[in-house]
């Protein structure tokens, strides 16, 4: 059996796009509280934004994988996005934002919906 390298399993340019998208989302979620419009703080639309943002990250990741996709790579990506969501939430108080379990739930819902569609 041929040895699989990471480059044989992904499209490198798409991985770069995924990393840049992820950094952009993290940048937006770490804007200081003063920069966030008051109407977006703690409302339902905020949770939908979390689902959309993490759904986009998941879609970008899944589109960066070459076919056939190894299940272990899918699970690794899923775990990485779940951990990223936790880290995103627990670091927000550093910029005077509120960590919220509901925001994290929105992150996971976005990832789960994209994974369900992809699979």
C-alpha atoms as a PDB file:
ATOM      1  CA  UNK A   1       0.000   0.000   0.000  1.00  0.00           C
ATOM      2  CA  UNK A   2       1.313   3.438  -0.918  1.00  0.00           C
ATOM      3  CA  UNK A   3       2.293   5.701   1.928  1.00  0.00           C
ATOM      4  CA  UNK A   4      -0.110   8.621   2.307  1.00  0.00           C
ATOM      5  CA  UNK A   5       1.371  12.038   2.946  1.00  0.00           C
ATOM      6  CA  UNK A   6      -0.663  15.042   4.004  1.00  0.00           C
ATOM      7  CA  UNK A   7      -0.150  16.601   0.557  1.00  0.00           C
ATOM      8  CA  UNK A   8      -1.658  13.528  -1.079  1.00  0.00           C
ATOM      9  CA  UNK A   9      -4.775  13.951   1.062  1.00  0.00           C
ATOM     10  CA  UNK A  10      -5.407  17.692   0.639  1.00  0.00           C
ATOM     11  CA  UNK A  11      -5.338  20.490  -1.900  1.00  0.00           C
ATOM     12  CA  UNK A  12      -2.576  22.701  -0.390  1.00  0.00           C
ATOM     13  CA  UNK A  13      -3.954  26.011  -1.711  1.00  0.00           C
ATOM     14  CA  UNK A  14      -7.374  25.203  -0.332  1.00  0.00           C
ATOM     15  CA  UNK A  15      -5.815  24.431   3.038  1.00  0.00           C
ATOM     16  CA  UNK A  16      -4.197  27.874   2.981  1.00  0.00           C
ATOM     17  CA  UNK A  17      -7.608  29.401   2.176  1.00  0.00           C
ATOM     18  CA  UNK A  18      -9.131  27.482   5.092  1.00  0.00           C
ATOM     19  CA  UNK A  19      -6.450  28.734   7.479  1.00  0.00           C
ATOM     20  CA  UNK A  20      -6.947  32.333   6.303  1.00  0.00           C
ATOM     21  CA  UNK A  21     -10.724  32.029   6.668  1.00  0.00           C
ATOM     22  CA  UNK A  22     -10.295  30.605  10.167  1.00  0.00           C
ATOM     23  CA  UNK A  23      -7.959  33.436  11.171  1.00  0.00           C
ATOM     24  CA  UNK A  24     -10.471  35.940   9.790  1.00  0.00           C
ATOM     25  CA  UNK A  25     -13.301  34.426  11.833  1.00  0.00           C
ATOM     26  CA  UNK A  26     -11.138  34.407  14.962  1.00  0.00           C
ATOM     27  CA  UNK A  27     -10.217  38.029  14.322  1.00  0.00           C
ATOM     28  CA  UNK A  28     -13.866  39.018  14.074  1.00  0.00           C
ATOM     29  CA  UNK A  29     -14.834  37.096  17.200  1.00  0.00           C
ATOM     30  CA  UNK A  30     -12.067  38.865  19.098  1.00  0.00           C
ATOM     31  CA  UNK A  31     -12.990  42.417  18.199  1.00  0.00           C
ATOM     32  CA  UNK A  32     -13.181  44.463  21.393  1.00  0.00           C
ATOM     33  CA  UNK A  33     -16.666  44.766  22.869  1.00  0.00           C
ATOM     34  CA  UNK A  34     -16.802  48.457  21.915  1.00  0.00           C
ATOM     35  CA  UNK A  35     -16.452  47.559  18.218  1.00  0.00           C
ATOM     36  CA  UNK A  36     -19.435  45.177  18.228  1.00  0.00           C
ATOM     37  CA  UNK A  37     -22.756  46.820  17.335  1.00  0.00           C
ATOM     38  CA  UNK A  38     -25.081  46.660  20.386  1.00  0.00           C
ATOM     39  CA  UNK A  39     -27.853  45.035  18.351  1.00  0.00           C
ATOM     40  CA  UNK A  40     -25.636  41.962  17.776  1.00  0.00           C
ATOM     41  CA  UNK A  41     -24.738  41.371  21.408  1.00  0.00           C
ATOM     42  CA  UNK A  42     -26.626  38.447  22.918  1.00  0.00           C
ATOM     43  CA  UNK A  43     -29.344  38.158  20.298  1.00  0.00           C
ATOM     44  CA  UNK A  44     -30.450  35.163  18.274  1.00  0.00           C
ATOM     45  CA  UNK A  45     -28.819  36.563  15.133  1.00  0.00           C
ATOM     46  CA  UNK A  46     -25.478  36.372  16.949  1.00  0.00           C
ATOM     47  CA  UNK A  47     -25.922  32.599  17.329  1.00  0.00           C
ATOM     48  CA  UNK A  48     -26.773  32.264  13.635  1.00  0.00           C
ATOM     49  CA  UNK A  49     -23.597  34.191  12.806  1.00  0.00           C
ATOM     50  CA  UNK A  50     -21.598  31.700  14.849  1.00  0.00           C
ATOM     51  CA  UNK A  51     -23.228  28.791  13.009  1.00  0.00           C
ATOM     52  CA  UNK A  52     -22.585  30.452   9.638  1.00  0.00           C
ATOM     53  CA  UNK A  53     -18.954  31.287  10.431  1.00  0.00           C
ATOM     54  CA  UNK A  54     -18.076  27.819  11.677  1.00  0.00           C
ATOM     55  CA  UNK A  55     -20.111  26.251   8.876  1.00  0.00           C
ATOM     56  CA  UNK A  56     -17.952  28.169   6.400  1.00  0.00           C
ATOM     57  CA  UNK A  57     -14.793  26.962   8.126  1.00  0.00           C
ATOM     58  CA  UNK A  58     -16.066  23.372   8.002  1.00  0.00           C
ATOM     59  CA  UNK A  59     -17.063  23.675   4.334  1.00  0.00           C
ATOM     60  CA  UNK A  60     -13.700  25.150   3.429  1.00  0.00           C
ATOM     61  CA  UNK A  61     -11.913  22.349   5.277  1.00  0.00           C
ATOM     62  CA  UNK A  62     -14.005  19.617   3.667  1.00  0.00           C
ATOM     63  CA  UNK A  63     -13.515  21.100   0.201  1.00  0.00           C
ATOM     64  CA  UNK A  64      -9.757  21.059   0.766  1.00  0.00           C
ATOM     65  CA  UNK A  65      -9.731  17.262   1.081  1.00  0.00           C
ATOM     66  CA  UNK A  66      -8.941  15.020  -1.856  1.00  0.00           C
ATOM     67  CA  UNK A  67     -11.259  12.135  -2.665  1.00  0.00           C
ATOM     68  CA  UNK A  68     -11.559   9.486  -1.364  1.00  0.00           C
ATOM     69  CA  UNK A  69     -11.559  11.064   2.072  1.00  0.00           C
ATOM     70  CA  UNK A  70     -10.161   9.026   4.920  1.00  0.00           C
ATOM     71  CA  UNK A  71     -12.566   8.812   7.889  1.00  0.00           C
ATOM     72  CA  UNK A  72      -9.718   9.524  10.302  1.00  0.00           C
ATOM     73  CA  UNK A  73      -9.088  12.837   8.537  1.00  0.00           C
ATOM     74  CA  UNK A  74     -12.776  13.748   8.775  1.00  0.00           C
ATOM     75  CA  UNK A  75     -12.793  12.989  12.506  1.00  0.00           C
ATOM     76  CA  UNK A  76      -9.567  14.909  13.066  1.00  0.00           C
ATOM     77  CA  UNK A  77     -11.055  17.951  11.333  1.00  0.00           C
ATOM     78  CA  UNK A  78     -14.235  17.663  13.355  1.00  0.00           C
ATOM     79  CA  UNK A  79     -12.298  17.444  16.620  1.00  0.00           C
ATOM     80  CA  UNK A  80     -10.067  20.365  15.618  1.00  0.00           C
ATOM     81  CA  UNK A  81     -13.095  22.569  14.908  1.00  0.00           C
ATOM     82  CA  UNK A  82     -14.706  21.606  18.217  1.00  0.00           C
ATOM     83  CA  UNK A  83     -11.496  22.507  20.079  1.00  0.00           C
ATOM     84  CA  UNK A  84     -11.167  25.719  18.055  1.00  0.00           C
ATOM     85  CA  UNK A  85     -14.681  26.717  19.119  1.00  0.00           C
ATOM     86  CA  UNK A  86     -13.835  26.184  22.781  1.00  0.00           C
ATOM     87  CA  UNK A  87     -10.588  28.141  22.491  1.00  0.00           C
ATOM     88  CA  UNK A  88     -12.438  30.894  20.637  1.00  0.00           C
ATOM     89  CA  UNK A  89     -14.961  31.232  23.445  1.00  0.00           C
ATOM     90  CA  UNK A  90     -12.593  30.989  26.417  1.00  0.00           C
ATOM     91  CA  UNK A  91     -10.216  33.614  24.985  1.00  0.00           C
ATOM     92  CA  UNK A  92     -12.905  36.214  24.271  1.00  0.00           C
ATOM     93  CA  UNK A  93     -12.892  37.610  27.841  1.00  0.00           C
ATOM     94  CA  UNK A  94      -9.321  38.753  27.123  1.00  0.00           C
ATOM     95  CA  UNK A  95     -10.825  41.439  24.849  1.00  0.00           C
ATOM     96  CA  UNK A  96     -13.752  42.214  27.176  1.00  0.00           C
ATOM     97  CA  UNK A  97     -16.191  39.958  25.339  1.00  0.00           C
ATOM     98  CA  UNK A  98     -18.386  37.326  26.923  1.00  0.00           C
ATOM     99  CA  UNK A  99     -17.753  33.616  26.559  1.00  0.00           C
ATOM    100  CA  UNK A 100     -21.053  31.881  25.940  1.00  0.00           C
ATOM    101  CA  UNK A 101     -22.009  28.208  25.837  1.00  0.00           C
ATOM    102  CA  UNK A 102     -24.781  29.186  23.402  1.00  0.00           C
ATOM    103  CA  UNK A 103     -22.214  30.708  21.038  1.00  0.00           C
ATOM    104  CA  UNK A 104     -20.249  27.466  21.232  1.00  0.00           C
ATOM    105  CA  UNK A 105     -23.441  25.526  20.504  1.00  0.00           C
ATOM    106  CA  UNK A 106     -23.911  27.719  17.425  1.00  0.00           C
ATOM    107  CA  UNK A 107     -20.358  26.896  16.330  1.00  0.00           C
ATOM    108  CA  UNK A 108     -21.000  23.162  16.682  1.00  0.00           C
ATOM    109  CA  UNK A 109     -24.352  23.358  14.890  1.00  0.00           C
ATOM    110  CA  UNK A 110     -22.716  25.093  11.921  1.00  0.00           C
ATOM    111  CA  UNK A 111     -20.024  22.417  11.704  1.00  0.00           C
ATOM    112  CA  UNK A 112     -22.519  19.572  12.156  1.00  0.00           C
ATOM    113  CA  UNK A 113     -24.859  20.854   9.430  1.00  0.00           C
ATOM    114  CA  UNK A 114     -22.032  21.173   6.913  1.00  0.00           C
ATOM    115  CA  UNK A 115     -20.657  17.734   7.808  1.00  0.00           C
ATOM    116  CA  UNK A 116     -24.142  16.228   7.441  1.00  0.00           C
ATOM    117  CA  UNK A 117     -24.571  17.779   3.995  1.00  0.00           C
ATOM    118  CA  UNK A 118     -21.058  16.771   2.948  1.00  0.00           C
ATOM    119  CA  UNK A 119     -21.432  13.179   4.064  1.00  0.00           C
END
